[in-house]
Amino acid sequence: MDCQDVYFTHEGLRIHGYLYSSGGPVGKPAALLLHGYTPDTLELSALAQKLAEFGWACLLLEARGRGSSEGDAEDTNGYARDALVAVKYMRILGVDRKRNVRGGPEPRQRRGGTVRGAGRGSGGSGGASPVRRGRPRRAWQG
């Protein structure tokens, strides 16, 4: 299993991540792991290593202003845009476009990770869309 530092430039900033794979990313299912509001990607590195052992290519993306990424850590919208560019970056590396997931820790959960959108490909909502299978979700009413 290999882990390498990767960089791409987006909006004039150098964004850093760790690419985990066994034998390179070409043709492999892909996982983009996002660390949320924690300072870095360490909490998800064990998950990325395990997925790489099972034949996945995993990119742990460091948010703007965190770890080795440039920018303002308070720019959460920029982090979301960086994540979209990271998906394109993984496609350039040659991962399987039809088998990919995005995930990270839940807001109340700081250990482990939760993957969303498994099997839906990059066009899937990943559980984040307000509409699921044509039916609107019910709004929370406290």
N, C-alpha and C. Protein backbone atom coordinates (compact mmCIF):
# COMPACT_ATOMS: atom_id res chain seq x y z
N MET A 1 0.84 -1.17 0.00
CA MET A 1 0.00 0.00 0.00
C MET A 1 0.89 1.23 0.00
N ASP A 2 0.59 2.13 -0.91
CA ASP A 2 1.37 3.36 -1.05
C ASP A 2 0.58 4.55 -0.52
N CYS A 3 1.29 5.50 0.07
CA CYS A 3 0.71 6.78 0.46
C CYS A 3 1.63 7.86 -0.07
N GLN A 4 1.06 8.76 -0.87
CA GLN A 4 1.90 9.83 -1.42
C GLN A 4 1.22 11.18 -1.24
N ASP A 5 2.05 12.19 -1.04
CA ASP A 5 1.56 13.56 -0.98
C ASP A 5 1.18 13.99 -2.38
N VAL A 6 0.01 14.58 -2.52
CA VAL A 6 -0.42 15.11 -3.82
C VAL A 6 -0.87 16.56 -3.63
N TYR A 7 -0.70 17.34 -4.66
CA TYR A 7 -1.08 18.75 -4.64
C TYR A 7 -1.80 19.08 -5.93
N PHE A 8 -2.76 19.97 -5.85
CA PHE A 8 -3.33 20.59 -7.04
C PHE A 8 -3.61 22.04 -6.70
N THR A 9 -3.69 22.86 -7.73
CA THR A 9 -3.92 24.28 -7.54
C THR A 9 -5.36 24.60 -7.90
N HIS A 10 -6.02 25.31 -7.01
CA HIS A 10 -7.41 25.72 -7.25
C HIS A 10 -7.60 27.11 -6.68
N GLU A 11 -8.16 28.00 -7.49
CA GLU A 11 -8.40 29.39 -7.10
C GLU A 11 -7.12 30.06 -6.59
N GLY A 12 -6.00 29.70 -7.21
CA GLY A 12 -4.72 30.29 -6.86
C GLY A 12 -4.09 29.73 -5.60
N LEU A 13 -4.68 28.71 -5.00
CA LEU A 13 -4.16 28.11 -3.77
C LEU A 13 -3.64 26.72 -4.04
N ARG A 14 -2.59 26.37 -3.35
CA ARG A 14 -2.04 25.01 -3.44
C ARG A 14 -2.73 24.14 -2.38
N ILE A 15 -3.49 23.15 -2.86
CA ILE A 15 -4.27 22.29 -1.98
C ILE A 15 -3.56 20.94 -1.86
N HIS A 16 -3.48 20.44 -0.64
CA HIS A 16 -2.74 19.21 -0.35
C HIS A 16 -3.69 18.07 0.03
N GLY A 17 -3.24 16.88 -0.29
CA GLY A 17 -3.95 15.68 0.14
C GLY A 17 -2.99 14.51 0.18
N TYR A 18 -3.48 13.40 0.70
CA TYR A 18 -2.72 12.15 0.74
C TYR A 18 -3.46 11.14 -0.12
N LEU A 19 -2.76 10.55 -1.07
CA LEU A 19 -3.36 9.54 -1.94
C LEU A 19 -2.88 8.17 -1.49
N TYR A 20 -3.83 7.35 -1.05
CA TYR A 20 -3.55 5.98 -0.63
C TYR A 20 -4.02 5.04 -1.73
N SER A 21 -3.16 4.14 -2.16
CA SER A 21 -3.56 3.12 -3.13
C SER A 21 -2.55 1.99 -3.09
N SER A 22 -2.98 0.87 -3.59
CA SER A 22 -2.11 -0.28 -3.69
C SER A 22 -1.92 -0.56 -5.18
N GLY A 23 -0.75 -0.25 -5.69
CA GLY A 23 -0.48 -0.47 -7.10
C GLY A 23 -0.98 0.63 -8.02
N GLY A 24 -1.25 1.81 -7.49
CA GLY A 24 -1.69 2.93 -8.31
C GLY A 24 -3.20 3.02 -8.40
N PRO A 25 -3.72 4.21 -8.75
CA PRO A 25 -5.16 4.44 -8.72
C PRO A 25 -5.91 4.03 -9.99
N VAL A 26 -5.23 3.74 -11.08
CA VAL A 26 -5.90 3.51 -12.36
C VAL A 26 -6.87 2.34 -12.29
N GLY A 27 -8.12 2.62 -12.67
CA GLY A 27 -9.15 1.59 -12.73
C GLY A 27 -9.74 1.16 -11.40
N LYS A 28 -9.31 1.78 -10.31
CA LYS A 28 -9.78 1.36 -8.99
C LYS A 28 -10.98 2.19 -8.56
N PRO A 29 -11.83 1.61 -7.70
CA PRO A 29 -12.88 2.45 -7.11
C PRO A 29 -12.22 3.52 -6.25
N ALA A 30 -12.88 4.66 -6.11
CA ALA A 30 -12.26 5.81 -5.45
C ALA A 30 -13.07 6.29 -4.27
N ALA A 31 -12.36 6.77 -3.25
CA ALA A 31 -12.99 7.39 -2.09
C ALA A 31 -12.32 8.72 -1.83
N LEU A 32 -13.13 9.77 -1.72
CA LEU A 32 -12.64 11.08 -1.32
C LEU A 32 -13.06 11.26 0.13
N LEU A 33 -12.07 11.36 1.02
CA LEU A 33 -12.35 11.48 2.45
C LEU A 33 -12.05 12.90 2.91
N LEU A 34 -13.03 13.49 3.58
CA LEU A 34 -12.94 14.88 4.03
C LEU A 34 -12.94 14.90 5.55
N HIS A 35 -12.02 15.64 6.15
CA HIS A 35 -11.84 15.58 7.59
C HIS A 35 -12.77 16.47 8.39
N GLY A 36 -13.57 17.28 7.80
CA GLY A 36 -14.49 18.12 8.56
C GLY A 36 -13.76 19.24 9.28
N TYR A 37 -14.14 19.52 10.51
CA TYR A 37 -13.59 20.66 11.23
C TYR A 37 -12.39 20.33 12.11
N THR A 38 -11.92 19.10 12.04
CA THR A 38 -10.72 18.75 12.79
C THR A 38 -9.51 19.35 12.09
N PRO A 39 -8.39 19.50 12.78
CA PRO A 39 -7.25 20.18 12.18
C PRO A 39 -6.62 19.48 10.98
N ASP A 40 -6.73 18.18 10.90
CA ASP A 40 -6.05 17.49 9.80
C ASP A 40 -6.72 16.16 9.48
N THR A 41 -6.05 15.38 8.65
CA THR A 41 -6.62 14.13 8.15
C THR A 41 -6.26 12.90 8.97
N LEU A 42 -5.56 13.06 10.06
CA LEU A 42 -5.07 11.89 10.81
C LEU A 42 -6.18 10.94 11.24
N GLU A 43 -7.34 11.48 11.61
CA GLU A 43 -8.41 10.60 12.09
C GLU A 43 -8.93 9.66 11.01
N LEU A 44 -8.74 10.00 9.74
CA LEU A 44 -9.24 9.16 8.66
C LEU A 44 -8.15 8.34 7.98
N SER A 45 -6.91 8.48 8.41
CA SER A 45 -5.82 7.76 7.74
C SER A 45 -5.96 6.25 7.89
N ALA A 46 -6.43 5.77 9.02
CA ALA A 46 -6.60 4.32 9.20
C ALA A 46 -7.67 3.79 8.25
N LEU A 47 -8.75 4.55 8.07
CA LEU A 47 -9.80 4.15 7.13
C LEU A 47 -9.25 4.11 5.70
N ALA A 48 -8.48 5.13 5.33
CA ALA A 48 -7.90 5.18 3.98
C ALA A 48 -6.95 4.00 3.76
N GLN A 49 -6.15 3.67 4.76
CA GLN A 49 -5.23 2.54 4.64
C GLN A 49 -5.99 1.25 4.44
N LYS A 50 -7.06 1.07 5.20
CA LYS A 50 -7.85 -0.16 5.10
C LYS A 50 -8.52 -0.26 3.72
N LEU A 51 -9.09 0.84 3.25
CA LEU A 51 -9.71 0.82 1.92
C LEU A 51 -8.68 0.53 0.83
N ALA A 52 -7.48 1.10 0.97
CA ALA A 52 -6.42 0.83 -0.01
C ALA A 52 -6.03 -0.64 0.00
N GLU A 53 -6.02 -1.26 1.18
CA GLU A 53 -5.73 -2.70 1.26
C GLU A 53 -6.77 -3.53 0.52
N PHE A 54 -8.01 -3.02 0.46
CA PHE A 54 -9.08 -3.72 -0.24
C PHE A 54 -9.20 -3.30 -1.71
N GLY A 55 -8.20 -2.55 -2.21
CA GLY A 55 -8.16 -2.23 -3.63
C GLY A 55 -8.73 -0.90 -4.03
N TRP A 56 -8.98 -0.02 -3.09
CA TRP A 56 -9.51 1.31 -3.40
C TRP A 56 -8.38 2.32 -3.52
N ALA A 57 -8.65 3.40 -4.24
CA ALA A 57 -7.77 4.58 -4.26
C ALA A 57 -8.46 5.62 -3.39
N CYS A 58 -7.79 6.10 -2.36
CA CYS A 58 -8.39 7.05 -1.41
C CYS A 58 -7.59 8.34 -1.39
N LEU A 59 -8.31 9.45 -1.49
CA LEU A 59 -7.68 10.75 -1.38
C LEU A 59 -8.22 11.43 -0.13
N LEU A 60 -7.32 11.69 0.82
CA LEU A 60 -7.66 12.46 2.02
C LEU A 60 -7.30 13.90 1.72
N LEU A 61 -8.29 14.73 1.63
CA LEU A 61 -8.09 16.12 1.26
C LEU A 61 -7.95 16.97 2.51
N GLU A 62 -6.91 17.80 2.57
CA GLU A 62 -6.75 18.73 3.67
C GLU A 62 -7.44 20.04 3.31
N ALA A 63 -8.27 20.53 4.20
CA ALA A 63 -9.02 21.76 3.96
C ALA A 63 -8.09 22.94 3.79
N ARG A 64 -8.62 23.97 3.15
CA ARG A 64 -7.87 25.23 3.01
C ARG A 64 -7.42 25.71 4.39
N GLY A 65 -6.17 26.11 4.45
CA GLY A 65 -5.64 26.64 5.70
C GLY A 65 -5.37 25.59 6.76
N ARG A 66 -5.47 24.33 6.41
CA ARG A 66 -5.20 23.24 7.36
C ARG A 66 -4.08 22.38 6.81
N GLY A 67 -3.30 21.82 7.68
CA GLY A 67 -2.21 20.96 7.24
C GLY A 67 -1.29 21.70 6.29
N SER A 68 -1.02 21.12 5.12
CA SER A 68 -0.13 21.72 4.12
C SER A 68 -0.88 22.50 3.04
N SER A 69 -2.20 22.65 3.18
CA SER A 69 -2.97 23.40 2.18
C SER A 69 -2.92 24.89 2.49
N GLU A 70 -2.84 25.68 1.42
CA GLU A 70 -2.85 27.13 1.57
C GLU A 70 -4.28 27.64 1.69
N GLY A 71 -4.41 28.87 2.19
CA GLY A 71 -5.72 29.52 2.22
C GLY A 71 -6.22 29.77 3.62
N ASP A 72 -7.46 30.21 3.69
CA ASP A 72 -8.12 30.57 4.94
C ASP A 72 -8.96 29.41 5.45
N ALA A 73 -8.67 28.93 6.65
CA ALA A 73 -9.39 27.80 7.22
C ALA A 73 -10.87 28.11 7.46
N GLU A 74 -11.24 29.36 7.51
CA GLU A 74 -12.64 29.73 7.73
C GLU A 74 -13.46 29.71 6.44
N ASP A 75 -12.81 29.52 5.29
CA ASP A 75 -13.51 29.52 4.01
C ASP A 75 -14.09 28.13 3.72
N THR A 76 -15.19 27.80 4.38
CA THR A 76 -15.79 26.48 4.20
C THR A 76 -16.40 26.30 2.82
N ASN A 77 -16.89 27.36 2.21
CA ASN A 77 -17.39 27.24 0.84
C ASN A 77 -16.25 26.93 -0.13
N GLY A 78 -15.08 27.50 0.13
CA GLY A 78 -13.92 27.19 -0.69
C GLY A 78 -13.50 25.74 -0.55
N TYR A 79 -13.62 25.20 0.65
CA TYR A 79 -13.30 23.79 0.89
C TYR A 79 -14.23 22.90 0.08
N ALA A 80 -15.50 23.27 0.02
CA ALA A 80 -16.45 22.49 -0.77
C ALA A 80 -16.08 22.54 -2.26
N ARG A 81 -15.69 23.70 -2.74
CA ARG A 81 -15.26 23.83 -4.14
C ARG A 81 -13.99 23.02 -4.38
N ASP A 82 -13.07 23.03 -3.42
CA ASP A 82 -11.84 22.24 -3.54
C ASP A 82 -12.17 20.75 -3.63
N ALA A 83 -13.17 20.31 -2.88
CA ALA A 83 -13.57 18.89 -2.92
C ALA A 83 -14.07 18.51 -4.31
N LEU A 84 -14.82 19.39 -4.95
CA LEU A 84 -15.29 19.11 -6.31
C LEU A 84 -14.12 19.01 -7.28
N VAL A 85 -13.13 19.87 -7.12
CA VAL A 85 -11.94 19.81 -7.97
C VAL A 85 -11.14 18.53 -7.66
N ALA A 86 -11.14 18.09 -6.42
CA ALA A 86 -10.44 16.86 -6.06
C ALA A 86 -11.06 15.66 -6.77
N VAL A 87 -12.37 15.65 -6.93
CA VAL A 87 -13.03 14.57 -7.68
C VAL A 87 -12.52 14.58 -9.12
N LYS A 88 -12.43 15.75 -9.73
CA LYS A 88 -11.91 15.85 -11.10
C LYS A 88 -10.45 15.38 -11.16
N TYR A 89 -9.68 15.74 -10.13
CA TYR A 89 -8.28 15.33 -10.07
C TYR A 89 -8.17 13.80 -10.05
N MET A 90 -9.02 13.16 -9.26
CA MET A 90 -8.98 11.69 -9.19
C MET A 90 -9.37 11.07 -10.53
N ARG A 91 -10.30 11.70 -11.23
CA ARG A 91 -10.66 11.21 -12.56
C ARG A 91 -9.47 11.29 -13.51
N ILE A 92 -8.71 12.38 -13.42
CA ILE A 92 -7.52 12.53 -14.25
C ILE A 92 -6.52 11.41 -13.95
N LEU A 93 -6.46 11.00 -12.67
CA LEU A 93 -5.56 9.91 -12.29
C LEU A 93 -6.01 8.57 -12.84
N GLY A 94 -7.26 8.48 -13.30
CA GLY A 94 -7.74 7.26 -13.95
C GLY A 94 -8.55 6.33 -13.07
N VAL A 95 -9.13 6.83 -11.97
CA VAL A 95 -9.94 5.95 -11.13
C VAL A 95 -11.22 5.56 -11.86
N ASP A 96 -11.88 4.53 -11.37
CA ASP A 96 -13.14 4.07 -11.94
C ASP A 96 -14.22 5.11 -11.66
N ARG A 97 -14.75 5.73 -12.69
CA ARG A 97 -15.74 6.81 -12.54
C ARG A 97 -17.07 6.32 -12.01
N LYS A 98 -17.36 5.05 -12.15
CA LYS A 98 -18.67 4.53 -11.74
C LYS A 98 -18.70 4.03 -10.31
N ARG A 99 -17.54 3.82 -9.73
CA ARG A 99 -17.48 3.31 -8.35
C ARG A 99 -16.69 4.29 -7.50
N ASN A 100 -17.40 5.20 -6.83
CA ASN A 100 -16.72 6.16 -5.96
C ASN A 100 -17.66 6.63 -4.87
N VAL A 101 -17.06 7.07 -3.78
CA VAL A 101 -17.81 7.56 -2.63
C VAL A 101 -17.11 8.80 -2.09
N ARG A 102 -17.87 9.58 -1.33
CA ARG A 102 -17.33 10.71 -0.61
C ARG A 102 -17.74 10.53 0.84
N GLY A 103 -16.89 10.93 1.77
CA GLY A 103 -17.26 10.77 3.15
C GLY A 103 -16.31 11.44 4.11
N GLY A 104 -16.71 11.36 5.36
CA GLY A 104 -15.93 11.95 6.43
C GLY A 104 -16.66 11.72 7.73
N PRO A 105 -16.15 12.27 8.81
CA PRO A 105 -16.80 12.06 10.10
C PRO A 105 -18.12 12.83 10.17
N GLU A 106 -19.08 12.25 10.83
CA GLU A 106 -20.34 12.93 11.07
C GLU A 106 -20.08 14.06 12.07
N PRO A 107 -20.89 15.11 12.09
CA PRO A 107 -20.65 16.22 13.01
C PRO A 107 -20.55 15.80 14.47
N ARG A 108 -21.33 14.82 14.90
CA ARG A 108 -21.30 14.39 16.29
C ARG A 108 -20.36 13.23 16.52
N GLN A 109 -19.74 12.74 15.46
CA GLN A 109 -18.88 11.56 15.55
C GLN A 109 -17.48 11.95 15.13
N ARG A 110 -16.51 11.79 16.00
CA ARG A 110 -15.15 12.21 15.69
C ARG A 110 -14.23 11.05 15.36
N ARG A 111 -14.68 9.83 15.49
CA ARG A 111 -13.82 8.69 15.16
C ARG A 111 -14.43 7.91 14.02
N GLY A 112 -13.57 7.34 13.20
CA GLY A 112 -14.06 6.58 12.06
C GLY A 112 -14.59 7.50 10.99
N GLY A 113 -15.24 6.95 10.02
CA GLY A 113 -15.78 7.76 8.94
C GLY A 113 -17.07 7.16 8.42
N THR A 114 -17.82 7.95 7.76
CA THR A 114 -19.06 7.51 7.15
C THR A 114 -18.98 7.81 5.68
N VAL A 115 -19.21 6.81 4.86
CA VAL A 115 -19.18 7.05 3.43
C VAL A 115 -20.60 7.24 2.93
N ARG A 116 -20.73 8.11 1.96
CA ARG A 116 -22.04 8.40 1.39
C ARG A 116 -21.97 8.24 -0.12
N GLY A 117 -23.06 7.87 -0.70
CA GLY A 117 -23.15 7.81 -2.15
C GLY A 117 -22.56 6.56 -2.75
N ALA A 118 -22.36 5.52 -1.98
CA ALA A 118 -21.74 4.30 -2.49
C ALA A 118 -22.54 3.76 -3.66
N GLY A 119 -21.84 3.50 -4.74
CA GLY A 119 -22.46 2.91 -5.91
C GLY A 119 -23.22 3.89 -6.78
N ARG A 120 -23.29 5.13 -6.39
CA ARG A 120 -24.05 6.09 -7.19
C ARG A 120 -23.18 6.82 -8.20
N GLY A 121 -21.88 6.70 -8.09
CA GLY A 121 -21.00 7.42 -8.99
C GLY A 121 -20.93 8.89 -8.60
N SER A 122 -20.18 9.65 -9.36
CA SER A 122 -19.96 11.03 -8.99
C SER A 122 -21.20 11.89 -9.15
N GLY A 123 -22.19 11.41 -9.88
CA GLY A 123 -23.40 12.19 -10.04
C GLY A 123 -24.40 11.98 -8.93
N GLY A 124 -24.10 11.05 -8.01
CA GLY A 124 -25.03 10.75 -6.93
C GLY A 124 -25.10 11.88 -5.93
N SER A 125 -26.18 11.92 -5.22
CA SER A 125 -26.37 13.00 -4.26
C SER A 125 -25.52 12.81 -3.02
N GLY A 126 -25.09 11.56 -2.77
CA GLY A 126 -24.27 11.32 -1.59
C GLY A 126 -25.03 11.56 -0.31
N GLY A 127 -26.35 11.54 -0.38
CA GLY A 127 -27.16 11.74 0.81
C GLY A 127 -27.33 13.19 1.19
N ALA A 128 -26.77 14.10 0.40
CA ALA A 128 -26.80 15.51 0.78
C ALA A 128 -27.92 16.29 0.08
N SER A 129 -28.62 15.67 -0.83
CA SER A 129 -29.65 16.37 -1.59
C SER A 129 -30.95 16.46 -0.79
N PRO A 130 -31.69 17.57 -0.90
CA PRO A 130 -32.96 17.67 -0.21
C PRO A 130 -34.04 16.82 -0.85
N VAL A 131 -33.78 16.25 -2.01
CA VAL A 131 -34.75 15.41 -2.69
C VAL A 131 -34.16 14.03 -2.87
N ARG A 132 -34.91 13.01 -2.52
CA ARG A 132 -34.45 11.64 -2.66
C ARG A 132 -35.47 10.87 -3.48
N ARG A 133 -35.03 10.32 -4.60
CA ARG A 133 -35.87 9.52 -5.49
C ARG A 133 -37.18 10.20 -5.82
N GLY A 134 -37.10 11.49 -6.11
CA GLY A 134 -38.26 12.21 -6.56
C GLY A 134 -39.21 12.67 -5.45
N ARG A 135 -38.94 12.27 -4.21
CA ARG A 135 -39.81 12.67 -3.11
C ARG A 135 -39.06 13.64 -2.22
N PRO A 136 -39.68 14.74 -1.84
CA PRO A 136 -38.99 15.68 -0.94
C PRO A 136 -38.84 15.10 0.45
N ARG A 137 -37.73 15.41 1.08
CA ARG A 137 -37.54 14.99 2.47
C ARG A 137 -38.40 15.84 3.37
N ARG A 138 -38.81 15.28 4.46
CA ARG A 138 -39.59 16.03 5.43
C ARG A 138 -38.67 16.95 6.22
N ALA A 139 -39.10 18.15 6.39
CA ALA A 139 -38.32 19.09 7.17
C ALA A 139 -38.41 18.75 8.64
N TRP A 140 -37.33 18.97 9.37
CA TRP A 140 -37.31 18.71 10.80
C TRP A 140 -38.23 19.70 11.50
N GLN A 141 -39.08 19.17 12.32
CA GLN A 141 -39.97 20.02 13.10
C GLN A 141 -39.78 19.66 14.56
N GLY A 142 -39.14 20.56 15.30
CA GLY A 142 -38.83 20.29 16.70
C GLY A 142 -40.02 20.45 17.51
